[in-house]
Amino acid sequence: MIHAQIKTVNPAARQAVVATEDGREVTLSFPANANIEVYEPASTGTMGGTLEDLKEGYWVNVEFHENAQGPCHCTSLVCES
């Protein structure tokens, strides 16, 4: 799992670009069964979410599988902000 900041989100294409702490940009593709958890202010925890809930600038922890020929496949994304 890596710590990164969301640069762009495209819900229609089911993709997002994140920047890792070491400056690398990674394009992520989200399959239908990807786990997305978003920050829930009332409980200061997380709850199930969708790509539409993600915003540029959010800090996230991301688990994904590298793909040399296209976007990486994201299996889990948890927002911290």
PDB file of N, CA and C in Angstrom:
ATOM      1  N   MET A   1       0.848  -1.168   0.000  1.00  0.00           N
ATOM      2  CA  MET A   1       0.000   0.000   0.000  1.00  0.00           C
ATOM      3  C   MET A   1       0.899   1.238   0.000  1.00  0.00           C
ATOM      4  N   ILE A   2       0.521   2.243  -0.765  1.00  0.00           N
ATOM      5  CA  ILE A   2       1.304   3.475  -0.822  1.00  0.00           C
ATOM      6  C   ILE A   2       0.468   4.661  -0.345  1.00  0.00           C
ATOM      7  N   HIS A   3       1.144   5.700   0.105  1.00  0.00           N
ATOM      8  CA  HIS A   3       0.510   6.948   0.508  1.00  0.00           C
ATOM      9  C   HIS A   3       0.655   7.899  -0.660  1.00  0.00           C
ATOM     10  N   ALA A   4      -0.449   8.514  -1.108  1.00  0.00           N
ATOM     11  CA  ALA A   4      -0.399   9.371  -2.294  1.00  0.00           C
ATOM     12  C   ALA A   4      -1.474  10.443  -2.205  1.00  0.00           C
ATOM     13  N   GLN A   5      -1.364  11.422  -3.108  1.00  0.00           N
ATOM     14  CA  GLN A   5      -2.353  12.496  -3.198  1.00  0.00           C
ATOM     15  C   GLN A   5      -3.043  12.410  -4.554  1.00  0.00           C
ATOM     16  N   ILE A   6      -4.362  12.551  -4.554  1.00  0.00           N
ATOM     17  CA  ILE A   6      -5.118  12.487  -5.803  1.00  0.00           C
ATOM     18  C   ILE A   6      -4.846  13.738  -6.629  1.00  0.00           C
ATOM     19  N   LYS A   7      -4.466  13.539  -7.879  1.00  0.00           N
ATOM     20  CA  LYS A   7      -4.227  14.649  -8.811  1.00  0.00           C
ATOM     21  C   LYS A   7      -5.458  14.874  -9.685  1.00  0.00           C
ATOM     22  N   THR A   8      -6.029  13.810 -10.244  1.00  0.00           N
ATOM     23  CA  THR A   8      -7.240  13.908 -11.062  1.00  0.00           C
ATOM     24  C   THR A   8      -8.095  12.666 -10.841  1.00  0.00           C
ATOM     25  N   VAL A   9      -9.400  12.824 -11.054  1.00  0.00           N
ATOM     26  CA  VAL A   9     -10.342  11.712 -10.960  1.00  0.00           C
ATOM     27  C   VAL A   9     -11.255  11.772 -12.177  1.00  0.00           C
ATOM     28  N   ASN A  10     -11.459  10.632 -12.838  1.00  0.00           N
ATOM     29  CA  ASN A  10     -12.369  10.537 -13.974  1.00  0.00           C
ATOM     30  C   ASN A  10     -13.321   9.368 -13.710  1.00  0.00           C
ATOM     31  N   PRO A  11     -14.452   9.625 -13.008  1.00  0.00           N
ATOM     32  CA  PRO A  11     -15.377   8.539 -12.690  1.00  0.00           C
ATOM     33  C   PRO A  11     -15.931   7.824 -13.922  1.00  0.00           C
ATOM     34  N   ALA A  12     -16.178   8.556 -15.001  1.00  0.00           N
ATOM     35  CA  ALA A  12     -16.734   7.935 -16.207  1.00  0.00           C
ATOM     36  C   ALA A  12     -15.795   6.879 -16.778  1.00  0.00           C
ATOM     37  N   ALA A  13     -14.488   7.136 -16.712  1.00  0.00           N
ATOM     38  CA  ALA A  13     -13.491   6.177 -17.212  1.00  0.00           C
ATOM     39  C   ALA A  13     -13.039   5.207 -16.123  1.00  0.00           C
ATOM     40  N   ARG A  14     -13.525   5.412 -14.870  1.00  0.00           N
ATOM     41  CA  ARG A  14     -13.136   4.610 -13.709  1.00  0.00           C
ATOM     42  C   ARG A  14     -11.625   4.662 -13.501  1.00  0.00           C
ATOM     43  N   GLN A  15     -11.067   5.899 -13.595  1.00  0.00           N
ATOM     44  CA  GLN A  15      -9.632   6.090 -13.428  1.00  0.00           C
ATOM     45  C   GLN A  15      -9.332   7.308 -12.553  1.00  0.00           C
ATOM     46  N   ALA A  16      -8.141   7.281 -11.960  1.00  0.00           N
ATOM     47  CA  ALA A  16      -7.632   8.415 -11.192  1.00  0.00           C
ATOM     48  C   ALA A  16      -6.121   8.431 -11.341  1.00  0.00           C
ATOM     49  N   VAL A  17      -5.538   9.621 -11.204  1.00  0.00           N
ATOM     50  CA  VAL A  17      -4.082   9.765 -11.190  1.00  0.00           C
ATOM     51  C   VAL A  17      -3.714  10.233  -9.793  1.00  0.00           C
ATOM     52  N   VAL A  18      -2.725   9.545  -9.191  1.00  0.00           N
ATOM     53  CA  VAL A  18      -2.242   9.932  -7.865  1.00  0.00           C
ATOM     54  C   VAL A  18      -0.754  10.215  -7.946  1.00  0.00           C
ATOM     55  N   ALA A  19      -0.276  11.084  -7.054  1.00  0.00           N
ATOM     56  CA  ALA A  19       1.154  11.381  -6.936  1.00  0.00           C
ATOM     57  C   ALA A  19       1.640  10.785  -5.626  1.00  0.00           C
ATOM     58  N   THR A  20       2.670   9.958  -5.715  1.00  0.00           N
ATOM     59  CA  THR A  20       3.225   9.331  -4.523  1.00  0.00           C
ATOM     60  C   THR A  20       4.123  10.321  -3.787  1.00  0.00           C
ATOM     61  N   GLU A  21       4.490   9.988  -2.567  1.00  0.00           N
ATOM     62  CA  GLU A  21       5.333  10.884  -1.770  1.00  0.00           C
ATOM     63  C   GLU A  21       6.709  11.091  -2.397  1.00  0.00           C
ATOM     64  N   ASP A  22       7.154  10.138  -3.225  1.00  0.00           N
ATOM     65  CA  ASP A  22       8.454  10.303  -3.872  1.00  0.00           C
ATOM     66  C   ASP A  22       8.337  11.005  -5.230  1.00  0.00           C
ATOM     67  N   GLY A  23       7.130  11.538  -5.551  1.00  0.00           N
ATOM     68  CA  GLY A  23       6.946  12.329  -6.756  1.00  0.00           C
ATOM     69  C   GLY A  23       6.494  11.572  -7.982  1.00  0.00           C
ATOM     70  N   ARG A  24       6.349  10.272  -7.893  1.00  0.00           N
ATOM     71  CA  ARG A  24       5.912   9.476  -9.044  1.00  0.00           C
ATOM     72  C   ARG A  24       4.414   9.617  -9.235  1.00  0.00           C
ATOM     73  N   GLU A  25       3.960   9.772 -10.480  1.00  0.00           N
ATOM     74  CA  GLU A  25       2.529   9.806 -10.778  1.00  0.00           C
ATOM     75  C   GLU A  25       2.109   8.442 -11.298  1.00  0.00           C
ATOM     76  N   VAL A  26       0.997   7.942 -10.750  1.00  0.00           N
ATOM     77  CA  VAL A  26       0.495   6.617 -11.100  1.00  0.00           C
ATOM     78  C   VAL A  26      -0.951   6.749 -11.556  1.00  0.00           C
ATOM     79  N   THR A  27      -1.257   6.211 -12.740  1.00  0.00           N
ATOM     80  CA  THR A  27      -2.636   6.162 -13.220  1.00  0.00           C
ATOM     81  C   THR A  27      -3.256   4.864 -12.729  1.00  0.00           C
ATOM     82  N   LEU A  28      -4.406   4.994 -12.070  1.00  0.00           N
ATOM     83  CA  LEU A  28      -5.091   3.847 -11.499  1.00  0.00           C
ATOM     84  C   LEU A  28      -6.395   3.588 -12.233  1.00  0.00           C
ATOM     85  N   SER A  29      -6.674   2.320 -12.463  1.00  0.00           N
ATOM     86  CA  SER A  29      -7.938   1.883 -13.032  1.00  0.00           C
ATOM     87  C   SER A  29      -8.689   1.128 -11.937  1.00  0.00           C
ATOM     88  N   PHE A  30      -9.975   1.431 -11.764  1.00  0.00           N
ATOM     89  CA  PHE A  30     -10.766   0.834 -10.694  1.00  0.00           C
ATOM     90  C   PHE A  30     -11.773  -0.168 -11.252  1.00  0.00           C
ATOM     91  N   PRO A  31     -11.586  -1.467 -10.981  1.00  0.00           N
ATOM     92  CA  PRO A  31     -12.597  -2.431 -11.388  1.00  0.00           C
ATOM     93  C   PRO A  31     -13.856  -2.241 -10.544  1.00  0.00           C
ATOM     94  N   ALA A  32     -14.949  -2.830 -10.967  1.00  0.00           N
ATOM     95  CA  ALA A  32     -16.225  -2.660 -10.265  1.00  0.00           C
ATOM     96  C   ALA A  32     -16.150  -3.099  -8.808  1.00  0.00           C
ATOM     97  N   ASN A  33     -15.306  -4.066  -8.485  1.00  0.00           N
ATOM     98  CA  ASN A  33     -15.240  -4.590  -7.117  1.00  0.00           C
ATOM     99  C   ASN A  33     -14.157  -3.922  -6.263  1.00  0.00           C
ATOM    100  N   ALA A  34     -13.572  -2.818  -6.729  1.00  0.00           N
ATOM    101  CA  ALA A  34     -12.536  -2.123  -5.947  1.00  0.00           C
ATOM    102  C   ALA A  34     -13.139  -1.573  -4.659  1.00  0.00           C
ATOM    103  N   ASN A  35     -12.392  -1.664  -3.574  1.00  0.00           N
ATOM    104  CA  ASN A  35     -12.819  -1.126  -2.289  1.00  0.00           C
ATOM    105  C   ASN A  35     -12.424   0.342  -2.209  1.00  0.00           C
ATOM    106  N   ILE A  36     -13.413   1.225  -2.061  1.00  0.00           N
ATOM    107  CA  ILE A  36     -13.164   2.656  -1.922  1.00  0.00           C
ATOM    108  C   ILE A  36     -13.776   3.104  -0.604  1.00  0.00           C
ATOM    109  N   GLU A  37     -12.943   3.642   0.268  1.00  0.00           N
ATOM    110  CA  GLU A  37     -13.390   4.152   1.559  1.00  0.00           C
ATOM    111  C   GLU A  37     -13.094   5.649   1.596  1.00  0.00           C
ATOM    112  N   VAL A  38     -14.091   6.443   1.994  1.00  0.00           N
ATOM    113  CA  VAL A  38     -13.931   7.892   2.047  1.00  0.00           C
ATOM    114  C   VAL A  38     -14.061   8.395   3.480  1.00  0.00           C
ATOM    115  N   TYR A  39     -13.425   9.526   3.752  1.00  0.00           N
ATOM    116  CA  TYR A  39     -13.456  10.140   5.072  1.00  0.00           C
ATOM    117  C   TYR A  39     -14.883  10.565   5.420  1.00  0.00           C
ATOM    118  N   GLU A  40     -15.305  10.260   6.636  1.00  0.00           N
ATOM    119  CA  GLU A  40     -16.639  10.620   7.108  1.00  0.00           C
ATOM    120  C   GLU A  40     -16.475  11.519   8.331  1.00  0.00           C
ATOM    121  N   PRO A  41     -16.637  12.858   8.152  1.00  0.00           N
ATOM    122  CA  PRO A  41     -16.337  13.813   9.219  1.00  0.00           C
ATOM    123  C   PRO A  41     -17.094  13.583  10.526  1.00  0.00           C
ATOM    124  N   ALA A  42     -18.335  13.169  10.461  1.00  0.00           N
ATOM    125  CA  ALA A  42     -19.132  13.020  11.687  1.00  0.00           C
ATOM    126  C   ALA A  42     -18.526  11.993  12.640  1.00  0.00           C
ATOM    127  N   SER A  43     -17.964  10.926  12.092  1.00  0.00           N
ATOM    128  CA  SER A  43     -17.386   9.891  12.953  1.00  0.00           C
ATOM    129  C   SER A  43     -15.860   9.946  12.979  1.00  0.00           C
ATOM    130  N   THR A  44     -15.283  10.830  12.175  1.00  0.00           N
ATOM    131  CA  THR A  44     -13.832  10.942  11.960  1.00  0.00           C
ATOM    132  C   THR A  44     -13.222   9.607  11.560  1.00  0.00           C
ATOM    133  N   GLY A  45     -14.005   8.812  10.853  1.00  0.00           N
ATOM    134  CA  GLY A  45     -13.550   7.527  10.333  1.00  0.00           C
ATOM    135  C   GLY A  45     -13.806   7.476   8.839  1.00  0.00           C
ATOM    136  N   THR A  46     -13.940   6.281   8.313  1.00  0.00           N
ATOM    137  CA  THR A  46     -14.236   6.127   6.891  1.00  0.00           C
ATOM    138  C   THR A  46     -15.521   5.329   6.714  1.00  0.00           C
ATOM    139  N   MET A  47     -16.092   5.463   5.516  1.00  0.00           N
ATOM    140  CA  MET A  47     -17.273   4.691   5.149  1.00  0.00           C
ATOM    141  C   MET A  47     -17.156   4.349   3.673  1.00  0.00           C
ATOM    142  N   GLY A  48     -17.929   3.377   3.227  1.00  0.00           N
ATOM    143  CA  GLY A  48     -17.908   2.981   1.818  1.00  0.00           C
ATOM    144  C   GLY A  48     -18.226   4.157   0.922  1.00  0.00           C
ATOM    145  N   GLY A  49     -17.514   4.249  -0.193  1.00  0.00           N
ATOM    146  CA  GLY A  49     -17.717   5.359  -1.105  1.00  0.00           C
ATOM    147  C   GLY A  49     -17.598   4.931  -2.554  1.00  0.00           C
ATOM    148  N   THR A  50     -17.633   5.927  -3.431  1.00  0.00           N
ATOM    149  CA  THR A  50     -17.528   5.700  -4.870  1.00  0.00           C
ATOM    150  C   THR A  50     -16.474   6.635  -5.445  1.00  0.00           C
ATOM    151  N   LEU A  51     -16.161   6.447  -6.709  1.00  0.00           N
ATOM    152  CA  LEU A  51     -15.205   7.348  -7.372  1.00  0.00           C
ATOM    153  C   LEU A  51     -15.699   8.790  -7.364  1.00  0.00           C
ATOM    154  N   GLU A  52     -17.008   8.983  -7.402  1.00  0.00           N
ATOM    155  CA  GLU A  52     -17.570  10.330  -7.401  1.00  0.00           C
ATOM    156  C   GLU A  52     -17.287  11.054  -6.086  1.00  0.00           C
ATOM    157  N   ASP A  53     -17.020  10.310  -5.016  1.00  0.00           N
ATOM    158  CA  ASP A  53     -16.729  10.914  -3.712  1.00  0.00           C
ATOM    159  C   ASP A  53     -15.290  11.414  -3.601  1.00  0.00           C
ATOM    160  N   LEU A  54     -14.419  11.001  -4.505  1.00  0.00           N
ATOM    161  CA  LEU A  54     -13.006  11.376  -4.438  1.00  0.00           C
ATOM    162  C   LEU A  54     -12.789  12.749  -5.065  1.00  0.00           C
ATOM    163  N   LYS A  55     -11.927  13.535  -4.459  1.00  0.00           N
ATOM    164  CA  LYS A  55     -11.645  14.896  -4.937  1.00  0.00           C
ATOM    165  C   LYS A  55     -10.141  15.101  -5.089  1.00  0.00           C
ATOM    166  N   GLU A  56      -9.771  15.968  -6.026  1.00  0.00           N
ATOM    167  CA  GLU A  56      -8.365  16.336  -6.194  1.00  0.00           C
ATOM    168  C   GLU A  56      -7.833  16.892  -4.881  1.00  0.00           C
ATOM    169  N   GLY A  57      -6.623  16.488  -4.522  1.00  0.00           N
ATOM    170  CA  GLY A  57      -5.999  16.972  -3.307  1.00  0.00           C
ATOM    171  C   GLY A  57      -6.150  16.044  -2.118  1.00  0.00           C
ATOM    172  N   TYR A  58      -7.104  15.111  -2.167  1.00  0.00           N
ATOM    173  CA  TYR A  58      -7.267  14.176  -1.051  1.00  0.00           C
ATOM    174  C   TYR A  58      -6.013  13.323  -0.912  1.00  0.00           C
ATOM    175  N   TRP A  59      -5.612  13.055   0.335  1.00  0.00           N
ATOM    176  CA  TRP A  59      -4.544  12.108   0.620  1.00  0.00           C
ATOM    177  C   TRP A  59      -5.172  10.743   0.825  1.00  0.00           C
ATOM    178  N   VAL A  60      -4.563   9.735   0.221  1.00  0.00           N
ATOM    179  CA  VAL A  60      -5.130   8.384   0.247  1.00  0.00           C
ATOM    180  C   VAL A  60      -4.040   7.340   0.473  1.00  0.00           C
ATOM    181  N   ASN A  61      -4.461   6.185   0.943  1.00  0.00           N
ATOM    182  CA  ASN A  61      -3.623   4.990   0.957  1.00  0.00           C
ATOM    183  C   ASN A  61      -4.180   4.080  -0.118  1.00  0.00           C
ATOM    184  N   VAL A  62      -3.311   3.635  -1.018  1.00  0.00           N
ATOM    185  CA  VAL A  62      -3.749   2.901  -2.193  1.00  0.00           C
ATOM    186  C   VAL A  62      -3.019   1.570  -2.298  1.00  0.00           C
ATOM    187  N   GLU A  63      -3.789   0.531  -2.591  1.00  0.00           N
ATOM    188  CA  GLU A  63      -3.212  -0.776  -2.899  1.00  0.00           C
ATOM    189  C   GLU A  63      -3.531  -1.068  -4.354  1.00  0.00           C
ATOM    190  N   PHE A  64      -2.501  -1.390  -5.139  1.00  0.00           N
ATOM    191  CA  PHE A  64      -2.726  -1.626  -6.562  1.00  0.00           C
ATOM    192  C   PHE A  64      -1.717  -2.623  -7.112  1.00  0.00           C
ATOM    193  N   HIS A  65      -2.017  -3.107  -8.314  1.00  0.00           N
ATOM    194  CA  HIS A  65      -1.132  -4.032  -9.020  1.00  0.00           C
ATOM    195  C   HIS A  65      -0.554  -3.302 -10.222  1.00  0.00           C
ATOM    196  N   GLU A  66       0.773  -3.319 -10.336  1.00  0.00           N
ATOM    197  CA  GLU A  66       1.455  -2.649 -11.457  1.00  0.00           C
ATOM    198  C   GLU A  66       1.044  -3.269 -12.785  1.00  0.00           C
ATOM    199  N   ASN A  67       0.989  -2.428 -13.825  1.00  0.00           N
ATOM    200  CA  ASN A  67       0.698  -2.878 -15.180  1.00  0.00           C
ATOM    201  C   ASN A  67       1.604  -2.084 -16.116  1.00  0.00           C
ATOM    202  N   ALA A  68       2.539  -2.737 -16.754  1.00  0.00           N
ATOM    203  CA  ALA A  68       3.520  -2.056 -17.607  1.00  0.00           C
ATOM    204  C   ALA A  68       2.901  -1.499 -18.888  1.00  0.00           C
ATOM    205  N   GLN A  69       1.719  -1.987 -19.274  1.00  0.00           N
ATOM    206  CA  GLN A  69       1.148  -1.582 -20.556  1.00  0.00           C
ATOM    207  C   GLN A  69      -0.091  -0.705 -20.423  1.00  0.00           C
ATOM    208  N   GLY A  70      -0.332  -0.140 -19.269  1.00  0.00           N
ATOM    209  CA  GLY A  70      -1.503   0.712 -19.093  1.00  0.00           C
ATOM    210  C   GLY A  70      -1.685   1.056 -17.634  1.00  0.00           C
ATOM    211  N   PRO A  71      -2.892   1.500 -17.292  1.00  0.00           N
ATOM    212  CA  PRO A  71      -3.138   1.894 -15.900  1.00  0.00           C
ATOM    213  C   PRO A  71      -2.942   0.728 -14.931  1.00  0.00           C
ATOM    214  N   CYS A  72      -2.534   1.047 -13.725  1.00  0.00           N
ATOM    215  CA  CYS A  72      -2.417   0.046 -12.659  1.00  0.00           C
ATOM    216  C   CYS A  72      -3.820  -0.272 -12.158  1.00  0.00           C
ATOM    217  N   HIS A  73      -4.041  -1.498 -11.745  1.00  0.00           N
ATOM    218  CA  HIS A  73      -5.347  -1.912 -11.259  1.00  0.00           C
ATOM    219  C   HIS A  73      -5.435  -1.722  -9.752  1.00  0.00           C
ATOM    220  N   CYS A  74      -6.307  -0.829  -9.339  1.00  0.00           N
ATOM    221  CA  CYS A  74      -6.478  -0.497  -7.920  1.00  0.00           C
ATOM    222  C   CYS A  74      -7.436  -1.494  -7.275  1.00  0.00           C
ATOM    223  N   THR A  75      -7.016  -2.076  -6.157  1.00  0.00           N
ATOM    224  CA  THR A  75      -7.884  -3.003  -5.431  1.00  0.00           C
ATOM    225  C   THR A  75      -8.471  -2.360  -4.182  1.00  0.00           C
ATOM    226  N   SER A  76      -7.785  -1.339  -3.632  1.00  0.00           N
ATOM    227  CA  SER A  76      -8.268  -0.698  -2.414  1.00  0.00           C
ATOM    228  C   SER A  76      -7.748   0.733  -2.331  1.00  0.00           C
ATOM    229  N   LEU A  77      -8.623   1.656  -1.969  1.00  0.00           N
ATOM    230  CA  LEU A  77      -8.249   3.056  -1.772  1.00  0.00           C
ATOM    231  C   LEU A  77      -8.970   3.554  -0.522  1.00  0.00           C
ATOM    232  N   VAL A  78      -8.208   4.094   0.421  1.00  0.00           N
ATOM    233  CA  VAL A  78      -8.789   4.627   1.658  1.00  0.00           C
ATOM    234  C   VAL A  78      -8.365   6.086   1.802  1.00  0.00           C
ATOM    235  N   CYS A  79      -9.340   6.995   1.861  1.00  0.00           N
ATOM    236  CA  CYS A  79      -9.056   8.420   2.022  1.00  0.00           C
ATOM    237  C   CYS A  79      -8.654   8.738   3.443  1.00  0.00           C
ATOM    238  N   GLU A  80      -7.702   9.664   3.565  1.00  0.00           N
ATOM    239  CA  GLU A  80      -7.311  10.200   4.865  1.00  0.00           C
ATOM    240  C   GLU A  80      -7.817  11.612   5.051  1.00  0.00           C
ATOM    241  N   SER A  81      -8.287  12.240   3.981  1.00  0.00           N
ATOM    242  CA  SER A  81      -8.796  13.617   4.087  1.00  0.00           C
ATOM    243  C   SER A  81     -10.012  13.794   3.210  1.00  0.00           C
TER     244      SER A  81
END
